[in-house]
Structure formats: structure tokens, C-alpha cells
């Protein structure tokens, strides 16, 4: 599952309210980016996920400077939220995976290797 979300906070800063309050931010899926930036973000997310040994769902946060055409990886979140305003369930739905299927996949993928 991979897509990119563009987040715009309702009140100028992406704080607790912007993250968790209904209407605190708007999400555009997929983010409208130049194709080379979109592909770079997907590629760098996958590389970071693999390099860190992540399993299941992770979310990579980036900043894109459109003036400098510069994409910067900020962090890899290995425990993304599952609230009504969280990005992972929203992104899963965007690519055709409902909440129940997402949770099932996360639980099944969380098992320890034998």
C-alpha cells in the first residue's frame, strides 16, 4: 500500500488539534506533486522502511520545497495512528483497502519470524 498525502492545517500549524480534531486539517490524496517528486518520495519511503527493518505499516514524513525542488525525509513513523483522522486508514481506503482488511493485514504481518 503506497500513496502520498498532502496535509494542510486549518489554522496554519500542524499541531495536536490539526492532527486529531475533525476538520483540523485537509488531506489531498494522492498529493499533487511533480511526477519525479512523487516517485522519489515513494522510493525513499520504501528504502527507509527496508533499511530500518520495518514490517507492516510505516509512514514516512517528508517536506517538499517547491522553490528548491528539494524533498527532505523528516522521519519514519513505525506506529502510525488508527484514529478517525489518521493518515494510514485514509491512505489504505484510497488504494482500496477497508479498515477491517488493514487491521487484519497489520496483525498478520506483526507475527514474529520463525
PDB file of N, CA and C in Angstrom:
ATOM      1  N   UNK A   1       0.855  -1.166   0.000  1.00  0.00           N
ATOM      2  CA  UNK A   1       0.000   0.000   0.000  1.00  0.00           C
ATOM      3  C   UNK A   1       0.898   1.225   0.000  1.00  0.00           C
ATOM      4  N   UNK A   2       0.759   2.074  -0.977  1.00  0.00           N
ATOM      5  CA  UNK A   2       1.584   3.276  -1.003  1.00  0.00           C
ATOM      6  C   UNK A   2       0.865   4.396  -1.745  1.00  0.00           C
ATOM      7  N   UNK A   3       0.744   5.491  -1.064  1.00  0.00           N
ATOM      8  CA  UNK A   3       0.277   6.716  -1.690  1.00  0.00           C
ATOM      9  C   UNK A   3       0.854   7.869  -0.884  1.00  0.00           C
ATOM     10  N   UNK A   4       0.654   9.058  -1.364  1.00  0.00           N
ATOM     11  CA  UNK A   4       1.194  10.243  -0.704  1.00  0.00           C
ATOM     12  C   UNK A   4       0.048  11.183  -0.390  1.00  0.00           C
ATOM     13  N   UNK A   5       0.064  11.717   0.826  1.00  0.00           N
ATOM     14  CA  UNK A   5      -0.961  12.649   1.280  1.00  0.00           C
ATOM     15  C   UNK A   5      -0.350  14.025   1.466  1.00  0.00           C
ATOM     16  N   UNK A   6      -1.012  15.032   0.936  1.00  0.00           N
ATOM     17  CA  UNK A   6      -0.626  16.426   1.184  1.00  0.00           C
ATOM     18  C   UNK A   6      -1.523  16.936   2.304  1.00  0.00           C
ATOM     19  N   UNK A   7      -0.915  17.403   3.388  1.00  0.00           N
ATOM     20  CA  UNK A   7      -1.654  17.855   4.570  1.00  0.00           C
ATOM     21  C   UNK A   7      -1.566  19.369   4.682  1.00  0.00           C
ATOM     22  N   UNK A   8      -2.727  20.009   4.827  1.00  0.00           N
ATOM     23  CA  UNK A   8      -2.768  21.454   5.054  1.00  0.00           C
ATOM     24  C   UNK A   8      -3.561  21.707   6.329  1.00  0.00           C
ATOM     25  N   UNK A   9      -2.895  22.226   7.367  1.00  0.00           N
ATOM     26  CA  UNK A   9      -3.614  22.513   8.613  1.00  0.00           C
ATOM     27  C   UNK A   9      -4.601  23.657   8.422  1.00  0.00           C
ATOM     28  N   UNK A  10      -5.725  23.579   9.119  1.00  0.00           N
ATOM     29  CA  UNK A  10      -6.765  24.609   9.001  1.00  0.00           C
ATOM     30  C   UNK A  10      -6.314  25.945   9.577  1.00  0.00           C
ATOM     31  N   UNK A  11      -5.439  25.908  10.596  1.00  0.00           N
ATOM     32  CA  UNK A  11      -5.049  27.139  11.281  1.00  0.00           C
ATOM     33  C   UNK A  11      -3.562  27.453  11.160  1.00  0.00           C
ATOM     34  N   UNK A  12      -2.912  27.020  10.112  1.00  0.00           N
ATOM     35  CA  UNK A  12      -1.543  27.445   9.862  1.00  0.00           C
ATOM     36  C   UNK A  12      -0.431  26.578  10.403  1.00  0.00           C
ATOM     37  N   UNK A  13      -0.663  25.809  11.471  1.00  0.00           N
ATOM     38  CA  UNK A  13       0.395  24.968  12.029  1.00  0.00           C
ATOM     39  C   UNK A  13      -0.169  23.580  12.291  1.00  0.00           C
ATOM     40  N   UNK A  14       0.608  22.564  11.987  1.00  0.00           N
ATOM     41  CA  UNK A  14       0.154  21.185  12.159  1.00  0.00           C
ATOM     42  C   UNK A  14       0.407  20.733  13.596  1.00  0.00           C
ATOM     43  N   UNK A  15      -0.490  21.128  14.489  1.00  0.00           N
ATOM     44  CA  UNK A  15      -0.370  20.825  15.910  1.00  0.00           C
ATOM     45  C   UNK A  15      -1.338  19.692  16.289  1.00  0.00           C
ATOM     46  N   UNK A  16      -1.504  19.473  17.576  1.00  0.00           N
ATOM     47  CA  UNK A  16      -2.367  18.397  18.063  1.00  0.00           C
ATOM     48  C   UNK A  16      -3.785  18.521  17.498  1.00  0.00           C
ATOM     49  N   UNK A  17      -4.338  19.715  17.554  1.00  0.00           N
ATOM     50  CA  UNK A  17      -5.699  19.925  17.048  1.00  0.00           C
ATOM     51  C   UNK A  17      -5.778  19.649  15.553  1.00  0.00           C
ATOM     52  N   UNK A  18      -4.780  20.093  14.815  1.00  0.00           N
ATOM     53  CA  UNK A  18      -4.772  19.860  13.370  1.00  0.00           C
ATOM     54  C   UNK A  18      -4.711  18.369  13.055  1.00  0.00           C
ATOM     55  N   UNK A  19      -4.006  17.609  13.880  1.00  0.00           N
ATOM     56  CA  UNK A  19      -3.867  16.168  13.655  1.00  0.00           C
ATOM     57  C   UNK A  19      -5.116  15.386  14.046  1.00  0.00           C
ATOM     58  N   UNK A  20      -5.732  15.743  15.188  1.00  0.00           N
ATOM     59  CA  UNK A  20      -6.745  14.866  15.769  1.00  0.00           C
ATOM     60  C   UNK A  20      -8.173  15.393  15.764  1.00  0.00           C
ATOM     61  N   UNK A  21      -8.370  16.682  15.605  1.00  0.00           N
ATOM     62  CA  UNK A  21      -9.730  17.225  15.604  1.00  0.00           C
ATOM     63  C   UNK A  21     -10.329  17.117  14.205  1.00  0.00           C
ATOM     64  N   UNK A  22     -11.570  16.664  14.108  1.00  0.00           N
ATOM     65  CA  UNK A  22     -12.226  16.661  12.797  1.00  0.00           C
ATOM     66  C   UNK A  22     -12.197  18.069  12.203  1.00  0.00           C
ATOM     67  N   UNK A  23     -11.760  18.172  10.959  1.00  0.00           N
ATOM     68  CA  UNK A  23     -11.663  19.468  10.294  1.00  0.00           C
ATOM     69  C   UNK A  23     -10.410  20.245  10.641  1.00  0.00           C
ATOM     70  N   UNK A  24      -9.516  19.651  11.442  1.00  0.00           N
ATOM     71  CA  UNK A  24      -8.291  20.337  11.839  1.00  0.00           C
ATOM     72  C   UNK A  24      -7.290  20.501  10.714  1.00  0.00           C
ATOM     73  N   UNK A  25      -7.421  19.669   9.696  1.00  0.00           N
ATOM     74  CA  UNK A  25      -6.556  19.774   8.522  1.00  0.00           C
ATOM     75  C   UNK A  25      -7.272  19.146   7.334  1.00  0.00           C
ATOM     76  N   UNK A  26      -6.814  19.526   6.153  1.00  0.00           N
ATOM     77  CA  UNK A  26      -7.356  18.901   4.943  1.00  0.00           C
ATOM     78  C   UNK A  26      -6.282  17.994   4.354  1.00  0.00           C
ATOM     79  N   UNK A  27      -6.730  16.890   3.791  1.00  0.00           N
ATOM     80  CA  UNK A  27      -5.825  15.899   3.214  1.00  0.00           C
ATOM     81  C   UNK A  27      -6.160  15.734   1.738  1.00  0.00           C
ATOM     82  N   UNK A  28      -5.157  15.804   0.890  1.00  0.00           N
ATOM     83  CA  UNK A  28      -5.330  15.572  -0.541  1.00  0.00           C
ATOM     84  C   UNK A  28      -4.608  14.271  -0.883  1.00  0.00           C
ATOM     85  N   UNK A  29      -5.361  13.321  -1.424  1.00  0.00           N
ATOM     86  CA  UNK A  29      -4.822  12.023  -1.824  1.00  0.00           C
ATOM     87  C   UNK A  29      -5.176  11.738  -3.272  1.00  0.00           C
ATOM     88  N   UNK A  30      -4.259  11.400  -4.103  1.00  0.00           N
ATOM     89  CA  UNK A  30      -2.835  11.498  -3.868  1.00  0.00           C
ATOM     90  C   UNK A  30      -2.394  12.959  -3.925  1.00  0.00           C
ATOM     91  N   UNK A  31      -1.293  13.256  -3.261  1.00  0.00           N
ATOM     92  CA  UNK A  31      -0.757  14.618  -3.270  1.00  0.00           C
ATOM     93  C   UNK A  31      -0.443  15.032  -4.705  1.00  0.00           C
ATOM     94  N   UNK A  32      -0.706  16.287  -5.004  1.00  0.00           N
ATOM     95  CA  UNK A  32      -0.403  16.820  -6.331  1.00  0.00           C
ATOM     96  C   UNK A  32       1.043  17.315  -6.303  1.00  0.00           C
ATOM     97  N   UNK A  33       1.917  16.532  -6.885  1.00  0.00           N
ATOM     98  CA  UNK A  33       3.346  16.822  -6.914  1.00  0.00           C
ATOM     99  C   UNK A  33       3.885  16.566  -8.312  1.00  0.00           C
ATOM    100  N   UNK A  34       5.018  17.174  -8.653  1.00  0.00           N
ATOM    101  CA  UNK A  34       5.656  16.798  -9.917  1.00  0.00           C
ATOM    102  C   UNK A  34       5.932  15.292  -9.902  1.00  0.00           C
ATOM    103  N   UNK A  35       5.746  14.620 -11.028  1.00  0.00           N
ATOM    104  CA  UNK A  35       5.918  13.159 -11.054  1.00  0.00           C
ATOM    105  C   UNK A  35       7.252  12.675 -10.485  1.00  0.00           C
ATOM    106  N   UNK A  36       8.341  13.387 -10.753  1.00  0.00           N
ATOM    107  CA  UNK A  36       9.641  12.932 -10.246  1.00  0.00           C
ATOM    108  C   UNK A  36       9.708  13.026  -8.718  1.00  0.00           C
ATOM    109  N   UNK A  37       9.005  13.973  -8.126  1.00  0.00           N
ATOM    110  CA  UNK A  37       8.983  14.121  -6.667  1.00  0.00           C
ATOM    111  C   UNK A  37       8.114  13.024  -6.058  1.00  0.00           C
ATOM    112  N   UNK A  38       6.966  12.774  -6.669  1.00  0.00           N
ATOM    113  CA  UNK A  38       6.071  11.714  -6.198  1.00  0.00           C
ATOM    114  C   UNK A  38       6.806  10.378  -6.177  1.00  0.00           C
ATOM    115  N   UNK A  39       7.464  10.052  -7.289  1.00  0.00           N
ATOM    116  CA  UNK A  39       8.189   8.784  -7.388  1.00  0.00           C
ATOM    117  C   UNK A  39       9.354   8.727  -6.399  1.00  0.00           C
ATOM    118  N   UNK A  40      10.059   9.847  -6.220  1.00  0.00           N
ATOM    119  CA  UNK A  40      11.180   9.886  -5.269  1.00  0.00           C
ATOM    120  C   UNK A  40      10.688   9.652  -3.844  1.00  0.00           C
ATOM    121  N   UNK A  41       9.561  10.239  -3.485  1.00  0.00           N
ATOM    122  CA  UNK A  41       9.017  10.058  -2.135  1.00  0.00           C
ATOM    123  C   UNK A  41       8.633   8.598  -1.901  1.00  0.00           C
ATOM    124  N   UNK A  42       7.994   7.974  -2.877  1.00  0.00           N
ATOM    125  CA  UNK A  42       7.643   6.556  -2.737  1.00  0.00           C
ATOM    126  C   UNK A  42       8.898   5.699  -2.615  1.00  0.00           C
ATOM    127  N   UNK A  43       9.878   5.974  -3.466  1.00  0.00           N
ATOM    128  CA  UNK A  43      11.120   5.202  -3.463  1.00  0.00           C
ATOM    129  C   UNK A  43      11.877   5.376  -2.139  1.00  0.00           C
ATOM    130  N   UNK A  44      12.025   6.617  -1.682  1.00  0.00           N
ATOM    131  CA  UNK A  44      12.748   6.876  -0.435  1.00  0.00           C
ATOM    132  C   UNK A  44      12.010   6.294   0.774  1.00  0.00           C
ATOM    133  N   UNK A  45      10.679   6.315   0.738  1.00  0.00           N
ATOM    134  CA  UNK A  45       9.898   5.701   1.819  1.00  0.00           C
ATOM    135  C   UNK A  45      10.176   4.211   1.905  1.00  0.00           C
ATOM    136  N   UNK A  46      10.156   3.559   0.761  1.00  0.00           N
ATOM    137  CA  UNK A  46      10.405   2.117   0.739  1.00  0.00           C
ATOM    138  C   UNK A  46      11.834   1.798   1.174  1.00  0.00           C
ATOM    139  N   UNK A  47      12.797   2.587   0.715  1.00  0.00           N
ATOM    140  CA  UNK A  47      14.188   2.365   1.116  1.00  0.00           C
ATOM    141  C   UNK A  47      14.366   2.537   2.624  1.00  0.00           C
ATOM    142  N   UNK A  48      13.768   3.576   3.189  1.00  0.00           N
ATOM    143  CA  UNK A  48      13.872   3.823   4.630  1.00  0.00           C
ATOM    144  C   UNK A  48      13.201   2.696   5.414  1.00  0.00           C
ATOM    145  N   UNK A  49      12.023   2.281   4.970  1.00  0.00           N
ATOM    146  CA  UNK A  49      11.280   1.189   5.615  1.00  0.00           C
ATOM    147  C   UNK A  49      12.144  -0.075   5.660  1.00  0.00           C
ATOM    148  N   UNK A  50      12.749  -0.403   4.533  1.00  0.00           N
ATOM    149  CA  UNK A  50      13.579  -1.605   4.428  1.00  0.00           C
ATOM    150  C   UNK A  50      14.859  -1.472   5.248  1.00  0.00           C
ATOM    151  N   UNK A  51      15.532  -0.332   5.138  1.00  0.00           N
ATOM    152  CA  UNK A  51      16.800  -0.120   5.848  1.00  0.00           C
ATOM    153  C   UNK A  51      16.625  -0.209   7.361  1.00  0.00           C
ATOM    154  N   UNK A  52      15.468   0.224   7.845  1.00  0.00           N
ATOM    155  CA  UNK A  52      15.208   0.200   9.285  1.00  0.00           C
ATOM    156  C   UNK A  52      14.659  -1.146   9.762  1.00  0.00           C
ATOM    157  N   UNK A  53      14.422  -2.061   8.828  1.00  0.00           N
ATOM    158  CA  UNK A  53      13.885  -3.366   9.199  1.00  0.00           C
ATOM    159  C   UNK A  53      12.424  -3.319   9.594  1.00  0.00           C
ATOM    160  N   UNK A  54      11.704  -2.345   9.093  1.00  0.00           N
ATOM    161  CA  UNK A  54      10.282  -2.208   9.429  1.00  0.00           C
ATOM    162  C   UNK A  54       9.484  -3.350   8.820  1.00  0.00           C
ATOM    163  N   UNK A  55       8.379  -3.678   9.481  1.00  0.00           N
ATOM    164  CA  UNK A  55       7.421  -4.650   8.963  1.00  0.00           C
ATOM    165  C   UNK A  55       6.055  -4.018   9.067  1.00  0.00           C
ATOM    166  N   UNK A  56       5.162  -4.427   8.199  1.00  0.00           N
ATOM    167  CA  UNK A  56       3.805  -3.893   8.257  1.00  0.00           C
ATOM    168  C   UNK A  56       3.757  -2.452   7.805  1.00  0.00           C
ATOM    169  N   UNK A  57       2.978  -1.671   8.526  1.00  0.00           N
ATOM    170  CA  UNK A  57       2.731  -0.281   8.144  1.00  0.00           C
ATOM    171  C   UNK A  57       3.776   0.635   8.773  1.00  0.00           C
ATOM    172  N   UNK A  58       4.344   1.486   7.962  1.00  0.00           N
ATOM    173  CA  UNK A  58       5.133   2.611   8.463  1.00  0.00           C
ATOM    174  C   UNK A  58       4.723   3.817   7.632  1.00  0.00           C
ATOM    175  N   UNK A  59       4.962   4.985   8.181  1.00  0.00           N
ATOM    176  CA  UNK A  59       4.641   6.211   7.447  1.00  0.00           C
ATOM    177  C   UNK A  59       5.881   7.087   7.442  1.00  0.00           C
ATOM    178  N   UNK A  60       6.311   7.475   6.253  1.00  0.00           N
ATOM    179  CA  UNK A  60       7.453   8.372   6.119  1.00  0.00           C
ATOM    180  C   UNK A  60       6.938   9.784   5.915  1.00  0.00           C
ATOM    181  N   UNK A  61       7.456  10.696   6.721  1.00  0.00           N
ATOM    182  CA  UNK A  61       7.059  12.104   6.623  1.00  0.00           C
ATOM    183  C   UNK A  61       8.145  12.889   5.903  1.00  0.00           C
ATOM    184  N   UNK A  62       7.716  13.687   4.940  1.00  0.00           N
ATOM    185  CA  UNK A  62       8.629  14.489   4.135  1.00  0.00           C
ATOM    186  C   UNK A  62       8.198  15.944   4.143  1.00  0.00           C
ATOM    187  N   UNK A  63       9.130  16.805   3.815  1.00  0.00           N
ATOM    188  CA  UNK A  63       8.846  18.198   3.451  1.00  0.00           C
ATOM    189  C   UNK A  63       9.360  18.363   2.030  1.00  0.00           C
ATOM    190  N   UNK A  64       8.569  19.053   1.212  1.00  0.00           N
ATOM    191  CA  UNK A  64       8.994  19.329  -0.160  1.00  0.00           C
ATOM    192  C   UNK A  64       9.069  20.833  -0.347  1.00  0.00           C
ATOM    193  N   UNK A  65      10.231  21.314  -0.746  1.00  0.00           N
ATOM    194  CA  UNK A  65      10.451  22.725  -1.058  1.00  0.00           C
ATOM    195  C   UNK A  65      10.338  22.868  -2.567  1.00  0.00           C
ATOM    196  N   UNK A  66       9.208  23.425  -3.020  1.00  0.00           N
ATOM    197  CA  UNK A  66       8.996  23.524  -4.462  1.00  0.00           C
ATOM    198  C   UNK A  66       9.871  24.592  -5.114  1.00  0.00           C
ATOM    199  N   UNK A  67      10.400  25.524  -4.355  1.00  0.00           N
ATOM    200  CA  UNK A  67      11.306  26.533  -4.914  1.00  0.00           C
ATOM    201  C   UNK A  67      12.662  25.896  -5.223  1.00  0.00           C
ATOM    202  N   UNK A  68      13.170  25.121  -4.284  1.00  0.00           N
ATOM    203  CA  UNK A  68      14.466  24.455  -4.462  1.00  0.00           C
ATOM    204  C   UNK A  68      14.330  23.081  -5.117  1.00  0.00           C
ATOM    205  N   UNK A  69      13.092  22.619  -5.314  1.00  0.00           N
ATOM    206  CA  UNK A  69      12.823  21.273  -5.814  1.00  0.00           C
ATOM    207  C   UNK A  69      13.562  20.251  -4.952  1.00  0.00           C
ATOM    208  N   UNK A  70      13.371  20.384  -3.632  1.00  0.00           N
ATOM    209  CA  UNK A  70      14.096  19.554  -2.678  1.00  0.00           C
ATOM    210  C   UNK A  70      13.118  18.790  -1.786  1.00  0.00           C
ATOM    211  N   UNK A  71      13.301  17.492  -1.737  1.00  0.00           N
ATOM    212  CA  UNK A  71      12.499  16.604  -0.905  1.00  0.00           C
ATOM    213  C   UNK A  71      13.356  16.169   0.282  1.00  0.00           C
ATOM    214  N   UNK A  72      12.841  16.352   1.500  1.00  0.00           N
ATOM    215  CA  UNK A  72      13.600  16.019   2.707  1.00  0.00           C
ATOM    216  C   UNK A  72      12.797  15.033   3.555  1.00  0.00           C
ATOM    217  N   UNK A  73      13.405  13.890   3.856  1.00  0.00           N
ATOM    218  CA  UNK A  73      12.789  12.909   4.747  1.00  0.00           C
ATOM    219  C   UNK A  73      12.941  13.393   6.181  1.00  0.00           C
ATOM    220  N   UNK A  74      11.829  13.557   6.886  1.00  0.00           N
ATOM    221  CA  UNK A  74      11.850  14.018   8.270  1.00  0.00           C
ATOM    222  C   UNK A  74      11.926  12.864   9.260  1.00  0.00           C
ATOM    223  N   UNK A  75      11.087  11.858   9.060  1.00  0.00           N
ATOM    224  CA  UNK A  75      11.048  10.730   9.997  1.00  0.00           C
ATOM    225  C   UNK A  75      10.301   9.563   9.382  1.00  0.00           C
ATOM    226  N   UNK A  76      10.531   8.404   9.962  1.00  0.00           N
ATOM    227  CA  UNK A  76       9.753   7.215   9.638  1.00  0.00           C
ATOM    228  C   UNK A  76       9.002   6.841  10.904  1.00  0.00           C
ATOM    229  N   UNK A  77       7.687   6.838  10.808  1.00  0.00           N
ATOM    230  CA  UNK A  77       6.830   6.523  11.946  1.00  0.00           C
ATOM    231  C   UNK A  77       6.446   5.052  11.837  1.00  0.00           C
ATOM    232  N   UNK A  78       6.886   4.256  12.805  1.00  0.00           N
ATOM    233  CA  UNK A  78       6.627   2.813  12.756  1.00  0.00           C
ATOM    234  C   UNK A  78       5.334   2.410  13.453  1.00  0.00           C
ATOM    235  N   UNK A  79       4.668   3.379  14.070  1.00  0.00           N
ATOM    236  CA  UNK A  79       3.379   3.103  14.704  1.00  0.00           C
ATOM    237  C   UNK A  79       2.385   4.196  14.329  1.00  0.00           C
ATOM    238  N   UNK A  80       2.029   4.266  13.054  1.00  0.00           N
ATOM    239  CA  UNK A  80       1.090   5.309  12.642  1.00  0.00           C
ATOM    240  C   UNK A  80      -0.277   5.118  13.287  1.00  0.00           C
ATOM    241  N   UNK A  81      -0.975   6.216  13.457  1.00  0.00           N
ATOM    242  CA  UNK A  81      -2.264   6.213  14.138  1.00  0.00           C
ATOM    243  C   UNK A  81      -3.355   5.462  13.401  1.00  0.00           C
ATOM    244  N   UNK A  82      -4.383   5.115  14.156  1.00  0.00           N
ATOM    245  CA  UNK A  82      -5.541   4.413  13.604  1.00  0.00           C
ATOM    246  C   UNK A  82      -6.831   5.094  14.049  1.00  0.00           C
ATOM    247  N   UNK A  83      -6.778   6.405  14.295  1.00  0.00           N
ATOM    248  CA  UNK A  83      -7.955   7.169  14.705  1.00  0.00           C
ATOM    249  C   UNK A  83      -8.764   7.570  13.475  1.00  0.00           C
ATOM    250  N   UNK A  84      -9.955   8.131  13.669  1.00  0.00           N
ATOM    251  CA  UNK A  84     -10.754   8.578  12.521  1.00  0.00           C
ATOM    252  C   UNK A  84     -10.070   9.656  11.673  1.00  0.00           C
ATOM    253  N   UNK A  85      -9.091  10.360  12.219  1.00  0.00           N
ATOM    254  CA  UNK A  85      -8.398  11.391  11.434  1.00  0.00           C
ATOM    255  C   UNK A  85      -6.989  10.962  11.024  1.00  0.00           C
ATOM    256  N   UNK A  86      -6.618   9.711  11.283  1.00  0.00           N
ATOM    257  CA  UNK A  86      -5.268   9.230  10.971  1.00  0.00           C
ATOM    258  C   UNK A  86      -5.077   9.000   9.478  1.00  0.00           C
ATOM    259  N   UNK A  87      -3.828   9.115   9.063  1.00  0.00           N
ATOM    260  CA  UNK A  87      -3.499   9.011   7.645  1.00  0.00           C
ATOM    261  C   UNK A  87      -3.485   7.578   7.120  1.00  0.00           C
ATOM    262  N   UNK A  88      -3.003   6.625   7.904  1.00  0.00           N
ATOM    263  CA  UNK A  88      -2.878   5.254   7.388  1.00  0.00           C
ATOM    264  C   UNK A  88      -4.211   4.643   6.962  1.00  0.00           C
ATOM    265  N   UNK A  89      -5.272   4.707   7.785  1.00  0.00           N
ATOM    266  CA  UNK A  89      -6.556   4.178   7.319  1.00  0.00           C
ATOM    267  C   UNK A  89      -7.090   4.941   6.099  1.00  0.00           C
ATOM    268  N   UNK A  90      -6.849   6.231   6.074  1.00  0.00           N
ATOM    269  CA  UNK A  90      -7.296   7.048   4.943  1.00  0.00           C
ATOM    270  C   UNK A  90      -6.541   6.654   3.667  1.00  0.00           C
ATOM    271  N   UNK A  91      -5.243   6.444   3.786  1.00  0.00           N
ATOM    272  CA  UNK A  91      -4.453   6.037   2.626  1.00  0.00           C
ATOM    273  C   UNK A  91      -4.829   4.631   2.171  1.00  0.00           C
ATOM    274  N   UNK A  92      -5.067   3.741   3.120  1.00  0.00           N
ATOM    275  CA  UNK A  92      -5.485   2.385   2.768  1.00  0.00           C
ATOM    276  C   UNK A  92      -6.800   2.423   1.992  1.00  0.00           C
ATOM    277  N   UNK A  93      -7.747   3.202   2.476  1.00  0.00           N
ATOM    278  CA  UNK A  93      -9.037   3.328   1.784  1.00  0.00           C
ATOM    279  C   UNK A  93      -8.841   3.875   0.376  1.00  0.00           C
ATOM    280  N   UNK A  94      -7.920   4.808   0.238  1.00  0.00           N
ATOM    281  CA  UNK A  94      -7.661   5.408  -1.077  1.00  0.00           C
ATOM    282  C   UNK A  94      -7.178   4.370  -2.092  1.00  0.00           C
ATOM    283  N   UNK A  95      -6.421   3.371  -1.625  1.00  0.00           N
ATOM    284  CA  UNK A  95      -5.924   2.343  -2.538  1.00  0.00           C
ATOM    285  C   UNK A  95      -6.800   1.088  -2.535  1.00  0.00           C
ATOM    286  N   UNK A  96      -8.001   1.189  -1.911  1.00  0.00           N
ATOM    287  CA  UNK A  96      -8.975   0.112  -1.994  1.00  0.00           C
ATOM    288  C   UNK A  96      -8.972  -0.885  -0.847  1.00  0.00           C
ATOM    289  N   UNK A  97      -8.311  -0.566   0.266  1.00  0.00           N
ATOM    290  CA  UNK A  97      -8.279  -1.471   1.419  1.00  0.00           C
ATOM    291  C   UNK A  97      -9.121  -0.875   2.541  1.00  0.00           C
ATOM    292  N   UNK A  98     -10.179  -1.581   2.952  1.00  0.00           N
ATOM    293  CA  UNK A  98     -11.014  -1.048   4.026  1.00  0.00           C
ATOM    294  C   UNK A  98     -10.328  -1.218   5.381  1.00  0.00           C
ATOM    295  N   UNK A  99     -10.898  -0.602   6.403  1.00  0.00           N
ATOM    296  CA  UNK A  99     -10.294  -0.578   7.737  1.00  0.00           C
ATOM    297  C   UNK A  99     -10.083  -1.986   8.288  1.00  0.00           C
ATOM    298  N   UNK A 100     -11.090  -2.826   8.134  1.00  0.00           N
ATOM    299  CA  UNK A 100     -11.008  -4.194   8.650  1.00  0.00           C
ATOM    300  C   UNK A 100      -9.864  -4.962   7.979  1.00  0.00           C
ATOM    301  N   UNK A 101      -9.739  -4.828   6.676  1.00  0.00           N
ATOM    302  CA  UNK A 101      -8.659  -5.509   5.952  1.00  0.00           C
ATOM    303  C   UNK A 101      -7.294  -4.957   6.361  1.00  0.00           C
ATOM    304  N   UNK A 102      -7.213  -3.651   6.592  1.00  0.00           N
ATOM    305  CA  UNK A 102      -5.959  -3.041   7.043  1.00  0.00           C
ATOM    306  C   UNK A 102      -5.541  -3.612   8.397  1.00  0.00           C
ATOM    307  N   UNK A 103      -6.474  -3.662   9.336  1.00  0.00           N
ATOM    308  CA  UNK A 103      -6.163  -4.190  10.670  1.00  0.00           C
ATOM    309  C   UNK A 103      -5.764  -5.661  10.582  1.00  0.00           C
ATOM    310  N   UNK A 104      -6.490  -6.432   9.793  1.00  0.00           N
ATOM    311  CA  UNK A 104      -6.157  -7.854   9.630  1.00  0.00           C
ATOM    312  C   UNK A 104      -4.728  -7.996   9.098  1.00  0.00           C
ATOM    313  N   UNK A 105      -4.399  -7.229   8.061  1.00  0.00           N
ATOM    314  CA  UNK A 105      -3.058  -7.285   7.472  1.00  0.00           C
ATOM    315  C   UNK A 105      -1.993  -6.896   8.502  1.00  0.00           C
ATOM    316  N   UNK A 106      -2.253  -5.851   9.276  1.00  0.00           N
ATOM    317  CA  UNK A 106      -1.288  -5.400  10.280  1.00  0.00           C
ATOM    318  C   UNK A 106      -1.048  -6.478  11.340  1.00  0.00           C
ATOM    319  N   UNK A 107      -2.116  -7.130  11.788  1.00  0.00           N
ATOM    320  CA  UNK A 107      -1.987  -8.172  12.812  1.00  0.00           C
ATOM    321  C   UNK A 107      -1.254  -9.386  12.246  1.00  0.00           C
ATOM    322  N   UNK A 108      -1.637  -9.814  11.063  1.00  0.00           N
ATOM    323  CA  UNK A 108      -0.989 -10.976  10.458  1.00  0.00           C
ATOM    324  C   UNK A 108       0.483 -10.704  10.177  1.00  0.00           C
ATOM    325  N   UNK A 109       0.809  -9.503   9.738  1.00  0.00           N
ATOM    326  CA  UNK A 109       2.189  -9.162   9.395  1.00  0.00           C
ATOM    327  C   UNK A 109       3.051  -8.940  10.633  1.00  0.00           C
ATOM    328  N   UNK A 110       2.422  -8.732  11.779  1.00  0.00           N
ATOM    329  CA  UNK A 110       3.164  -8.452  13.010  1.00  0.00           C
ATOM    330  C   UNK A 110       3.750  -9.701  13.651  1.00  0.00           C
ATOM    331  N   UNK A 111       3.361 -10.866  13.169  1.00  0.00           N
ATOM    332  CA  UNK A 111       3.874 -12.089  13.784  1.00  0.00           C
ATOM    333  C   UNK A 111       5.393 -12.169  13.632  1.00  0.00           C
ATOM    334  N   UNK A 112       6.029 -12.756  14.619  1.00  0.00           N
ATOM    335  CA  UNK A 112       7.490 -12.871  14.615  1.00  0.00           C
ATOM    336  C   UNK A 112       7.929 -13.926  13.610  1.00  0.00           C
ATOM    337  N   UNK A 113       9.054 -13.680  12.939  1.00  0.00           N
ATOM    338  CA  UNK A 113       9.561 -14.702  12.014  1.00  0.00           C
ATOM    339  C   UNK A 113       9.992 -15.949  12.789  1.00  0.00           C
ATOM    340  N   UNK A 114       9.847 -17.085  12.168  1.00  0.00           N
ATOM    341  CA  UNK A 114      10.206 -18.355  12.834  1.00  0.00           C
ATOM    342  C   UNK A 114      11.567 -18.803  12.395  1.00  0.00           C
TER     343      UNK A 114
END
